[in-house]
Amino acid sequence: MNHQDIDTQAFKSKLEEDAYVLLDVRTSNEFNAGHLMGSLNIDFYDQNFESNIDELDKRMKYLVYCRSGNRSRQAMFLMRDLGFEEVYNLAGGIIAWHDHGHEIVK
């Protein structure tokens, strides 16, 4: 099992492989203000967050992000505990992604 924080360049490289599910764990308002293309949005603060995450295919590989990397890091460890095999967290979140000039869509 592989669960780790990765920087924006490593995240972008994995994203380009097209073998990962991209998961945004911010609120729907944050998501609608701008997100990475192709992201699935599951709100970390939703009372059903754990059960919503648990319904995902644990055999798939996931790239997880939030605003700053904190919620997504917690989500990554929850996913590890739920039996997900491979999850990577974007260190610095969408803030770092944007700061490095990568695309955000609305």
Protein backbone atom coordinates (compact mmCIF):
# COMPACT_ATOMS: atom_id res chain seq x y z
CA MET A 1 0.00 0.00 0.00
CA ASN A 2 1.25 3.45 -0.86
CA HIS A 3 -0.02 6.61 0.85
CA GLN A 4 2.09 9.75 0.77
CA ASP A 5 2.23 13.50 0.34
CA ILE A 6 3.67 14.57 -3.01
CA ASP A 7 4.57 17.96 -4.47
CA THR A 8 2.80 19.66 -7.36
CA GLN A 9 5.21 18.34 -10.01
CA ALA A 10 4.83 14.71 -8.90
CA PHE A 11 1.05 15.21 -8.62
CA LYS A 12 0.92 16.65 -12.16
CA SER A 13 3.00 13.74 -13.50
CA LYS A 14 0.68 11.18 -11.93
CA LEU A 15 -2.37 13.11 -13.17
CA GLU A 16 -1.01 12.93 -16.72
CA GLU A 17 -0.77 9.12 -16.47
CA ASP A 18 -4.59 9.03 -16.58
CA ALA A 19 -4.62 6.02 -14.26
CA TYR A 20 -5.84 7.89 -11.19
CA VAL A 21 -9.15 9.09 -9.81
CA LEU A 22 -8.87 12.78 -8.92
CA LEU A 23 -10.64 13.57 -5.65
CA ASP A 24 -11.37 17.08 -4.32
CA VAL A 25 -12.39 17.00 -0.64
CA ARG A 26 -13.30 20.69 -0.34
CA THR A 27 -16.82 22.07 0.10
CA SER A 28 -19.07 22.41 -2.94
CA ASN A 29 -18.67 26.22 -2.78
CA GLU A 30 -14.88 25.88 -2.87
CA PHE A 31 -15.16 23.33 -5.68
CA ASN A 32 -17.44 25.58 -7.75
CA ALA A 33 -15.02 28.50 -7.33
CA GLY A 34 -12.33 26.50 -9.13
CA HIS A 35 -11.04 22.93 -9.27
CA LEU A 36 -8.80 20.61 -11.23
CA MET A 37 -10.35 19.28 -14.45
CA GLY A 38 -12.03 15.91 -13.97
CA SER A 39 -12.24 16.07 -10.17
CA LEU A 40 -14.79 14.16 -8.16
CA ASN A 41 -16.00 16.31 -5.23
CA ILE A 42 -16.69 14.70 -1.85
CA ASP A 43 -16.93 17.28 0.96
CA PHE A 44 -14.63 16.47 3.89
CA TYR A 45 -17.00 18.33 6.26
CA ASP A 46 -20.09 16.38 5.17
CA GLN A 47 -21.41 14.16 7.96
CA ASN A 48 -21.42 11.23 5.51
CA PHE A 49 -17.85 11.80 4.31
CA GLU A 50 -16.46 8.51 5.61
CA SER A 51 -19.30 6.43 4.19
CA ASN A 52 -19.11 8.32 0.86
CA ILE A 53 -15.37 7.58 0.67
CA ASP A 54 -15.90 3.97 1.72
CA GLU A 55 -18.21 3.46 -1.30
CA LEU A 56 -15.36 4.22 -3.74
CA ASP A 57 -13.45 1.40 -5.44
CA LYS A 58 -10.52 0.65 -3.13
CA ARG A 59 -8.52 -0.98 -5.94
CA MET A 60 -8.34 2.27 -7.93
CA LYS A 61 -5.47 4.74 -7.45
CA TYR A 62 -6.38 8.18 -6.09
CA LEU A 63 -4.96 11.70 -6.19
CA VAL A 64 -6.52 13.76 -3.39
CA TYR A 65 -6.42 17.51 -2.84
CA CYS A 66 -8.06 20.33 -0.90
CA ARG A 67 -7.29 24.01 -0.33
CA SER A 68 -3.99 23.70 1.54
CA GLY A 69 -3.34 19.96 1.85
CA ASN A 70 -4.63 19.51 5.40
CA ARG A 71 -8.09 18.01 4.80
CA SER A 72 -6.82 15.92 1.91
CA ARG A 73 -3.99 14.58 4.08
CA GLN A 74 -6.53 13.52 6.69
CA ALA A 75 -8.66 11.99 3.92
CA MET A 76 -5.62 10.10 2.61
CA PHE A 77 -5.02 8.51 6.03
CA LEU A 78 -8.73 7.69 6.38
CA MET A 79 -8.61 6.04 2.98
CA ARG A 80 -5.55 4.05 4.06
CA ASP A 81 -7.44 2.89 7.16
CA LEU A 82 -10.43 1.92 5.00
CA GLY A 83 -8.21 -0.29 2.84
CA PHE A 84 -7.46 1.87 -0.21
CA GLU A 85 -4.28 0.61 -1.83
CA GLU A 86 -2.79 3.75 -3.36
CA VAL A 87 -3.57 7.38 -2.43
CA TYR A 88 -1.44 10.49 -2.95
CA ASN A 89 -2.07 13.85 -1.31
CA LEU A 90 -1.21 17.14 -3.01
CA ALA A 91 1.06 18.86 -0.48
CA GLY A 92 0.10 22.53 -0.33
CA GLY A 93 -3.27 21.82 -1.95
CA ILE A 94 -4.86 23.78 -4.76
CA ILE A 95 -3.07 26.89 -3.46
CA ALA A 96 0.31 25.35 -4.33
CA TRP A 97 -1.11 24.01 -7.60
CA HIS A 98 -2.24 27.51 -8.63
CA ASP A 99 0.98 29.13 -7.36
CA HIS A 100 2.95 26.83 -9.68
CA GLY A 101 0.89 27.99 -12.67
CA HIS A 102 -1.19 24.86 -13.19
CA GLU A 103 -4.70 24.98 -14.60
CA ILE A 104 -7.84 25.41 -12.51
CA VAL A 105 -11.30 25.24 -14.11
CA LYS A 106 -14.67 26.62 -12.99
